[in-house]
């Protein structure tokens, strides 16, 4: 699994993910998630939103995470031709973070820049740049 980058002032929920299977336009694809780091006794929430032609079939709109328990969830997405993103919003203690996972298929996706690394801004903040077309 890949551990998603996280900001120090974010929700504190650790997001790990893995794309399972071949990526092909119109074919369902499983994105396996493992969420950790929930410390709020009231728990945390996960919400997923797809864009750029990506369709989210599962899970339901919002998933509850329990404190102290790692949670595994499988998301089922259907990519379109090109590049789409699965945005994963985590909320804990009133703080929200977002992780954007690129899912691309076909020749249009191959022509876009690959996954960028974190870049440090002059003020010290680290950002993750998402390529768009």
Protein backbone atom coordinates (compact mmCIF):
# COMPACT_ATOMS: atom_id res chain seq x y z
CA UNK A 1 0.00 0.00 0.00
CA UNK A 2 1.00 3.61 -0.57
CA UNK A 3 0.79 6.00 2.37
CA UNK A 4 -0.73 9.27 1.18
CA UNK A 5 1.10 12.48 2.07
CA UNK A 6 -0.44 14.34 5.00
CA UNK A 7 -0.16 17.85 6.39
CA UNK A 8 0.75 18.25 10.03
CA UNK A 9 -2.32 20.42 10.66
CA UNK A 10 -4.78 18.06 8.93
CA UNK A 11 -7.27 15.55 10.33
CA UNK A 12 -4.56 13.19 11.58
CA UNK A 13 -6.17 10.19 9.86
CA UNK A 14 -3.51 8.20 8.01
CA UNK A 15 -4.67 7.13 4.52
CA UNK A 16 -3.05 4.11 2.85
CA UNK A 17 -4.27 2.88 -0.53
CA UNK A 18 -3.62 0.42 -3.36
CA UNK A 19 -5.10 0.16 -6.85
CA UNK A 20 -5.94 -3.50 -7.53
CA UNK A 21 -6.23 -4.86 -11.04
CA UNK A 22 -5.72 -3.57 -14.55
CA UNK A 23 -6.94 -0.04 -15.24
CA UNK A 24 -9.22 0.02 -18.30
CA UNK A 25 -11.88 2.51 -19.32
CA UNK A 26 -15.37 1.31 -18.42
CA UNK A 27 -14.10 -1.60 -16.28
CA UNK A 28 -14.60 -1.61 -12.49
CA UNK A 29 -11.42 -1.17 -10.46
CA UNK A 30 -10.92 -1.78 -6.74
CA UNK A 31 -9.07 0.78 -4.64
CA UNK A 32 -8.19 -0.80 -1.30
CA UNK A 33 -7.88 1.60 1.66
CA UNK A 34 -6.61 1.28 5.20
CA UNK A 35 -7.32 4.16 7.58
CA UNK A 36 -5.37 4.55 10.84
CA UNK A 37 -4.63 7.23 13.42
CA UNK A 38 -8.16 7.86 14.68
CA UNK A 39 -7.70 9.20 18.21
CA UNK A 40 -10.91 11.17 18.80
CA UNK A 41 -13.20 9.10 21.08
CA UNK A 42 -16.08 10.20 18.84
CA UNK A 43 -14.32 8.66 15.85
CA UNK A 44 -13.74 10.15 12.41
CA UNK A 45 -15.42 10.10 9.01
CA UNK A 46 -14.35 9.33 5.45
CA UNK A 47 -16.14 10.72 2.41
CA UNK A 48 -15.18 9.89 -1.19
CA UNK A 49 -15.93 11.94 -4.30
CA UNK A 50 -14.98 11.04 -7.88
CA UNK A 51 -14.35 13.55 -10.67
CA UNK A 52 -12.91 13.78 -14.17
CA UNK A 53 -15.09 11.02 -15.60
CA UNK A 54 -14.37 8.59 -12.76
CA UNK A 55 -17.52 7.00 -11.31
CA UNK A 56 -17.68 5.83 -7.69
CA UNK A 57 -19.85 2.72 -7.23
CA UNK A 58 -18.96 1.91 -3.60
CA UNK A 59 -18.70 2.72 -0.65
CA UNK A 60 -21.67 4.76 0.56
CA UNK A 61 -21.29 8.55 0.78
CA UNK A 62 -19.84 8.66 4.32
CA UNK A 63 -18.11 5.94 6.34
CA UNK A 64 -17.56 6.15 10.10
CA UNK A 65 -14.15 5.25 11.55
CA UNK A 66 -13.79 4.12 15.18
CA UNK A 67 -11.09 5.39 17.51
CA UNK A 68 -8.04 3.16 17.94
CA UNK A 69 -9.14 0.68 15.26
CA UNK A 70 -7.56 0.53 11.81
CA UNK A 71 -10.33 0.32 9.20
CA UNK A 72 -10.12 -1.30 5.78
CA UNK A 73 -12.50 -0.24 3.00
CA UNK A 74 -12.66 -1.19 -0.68
CA UNK A 75 -13.85 1.48 -3.08
CA UNK A 76 -15.09 0.38 -6.50
CA UNK A 77 -14.56 2.93 -9.26
CA UNK A 78 -15.11 2.87 -13.02
CA UNK A 79 -12.56 4.99 -14.89
CA UNK A 80 -13.33 6.78 -18.13
CA UNK A 81 -10.82 7.32 -20.93
CA UNK A 82 -8.23 9.79 -19.63
CA UNK A 83 -7.40 10.86 -16.10
CA UNK A 84 -9.81 11.11 -13.18
CA UNK A 85 -9.37 11.56 -9.45
CA UNK A 86 -10.83 9.87 -6.41
CA UNK A 87 -10.85 12.51 -3.65
CA UNK A 88 -10.85 11.07 -0.12
CA UNK A 89 -11.92 13.49 2.61
CA UNK A 90 -11.14 12.56 6.23
CA UNK A 91 -12.53 14.50 9.20
CA UNK A 92 -11.54 14.20 12.85
CA UNK A 93 -11.78 16.70 15.72
CA UNK A 94 -13.34 19.23 13.32
CA UNK A 95 -10.30 19.14 11.01
CA UNK A 96 -10.58 17.93 7.41
CA UNK A 97 -7.92 16.60 5.05
CA UNK A 98 -8.16 15.49 1.46
CA UNK A 99 -6.17 12.91 -0.49
CA UNK A 100 -6.53 12.86 -4.29
CA UNK A 101 -5.75 9.60 -6.06
CA UNK A 102 -5.15 9.72 -9.82
CA UNK A 103 -6.77 6.94 -11.86
CA UNK A 104 -6.00 7.08 -15.57
CA UNK A 105 -6.67 4.87 -18.55
CA UNK A 106 -6.05 5.03 -22.27
CA UNK A 107 -3.78 7.12 -24.43
CA UNK A 108 -4.96 10.45 -22.95
CA UNK A 109 -3.86 9.40 -19.47
CA UNK A 110 -0.46 8.27 -20.74
CA UNK A 111 0.23 11.71 -22.21
CA UNK A 112 -0.35 13.53 -18.93
CA UNK A 113 2.46 14.06 -16.42
CA UNK A 114 2.89 11.30 -13.87
CA UNK A 115 2.37 11.50 -10.14
CA UNK A 116 4.26 14.41 -8.68
CA UNK A 117 6.15 14.38 -5.44
CA UNK A 118 5.55 16.81 -2.62
CA UNK A 119 7.00 20.24 -3.38
CA UNK A 120 8.08 22.65 -0.69
CA UNK A 121 6.94 26.25 -1.03
CA UNK A 122 9.16 29.20 0.04
CA UNK A 123 7.17 29.51 3.30
CA UNK A 124 7.90 25.84 4.11
CA UNK A 125 4.44 24.46 3.32
CA UNK A 126 4.48 21.23 1.32
CA UNK A 127 2.06 20.86 -1.58
CA UNK A 128 1.06 18.04 -3.92
CA UNK A 129 0.46 19.20 -7.48
CA UNK A 130 -2.34 17.50 -9.44
CA UNK A 131 -1.93 17.50 -13.24
CA UNK A 132 -5.00 18.55 -15.23
CA UNK A 133 -5.79 18.63 -18.90
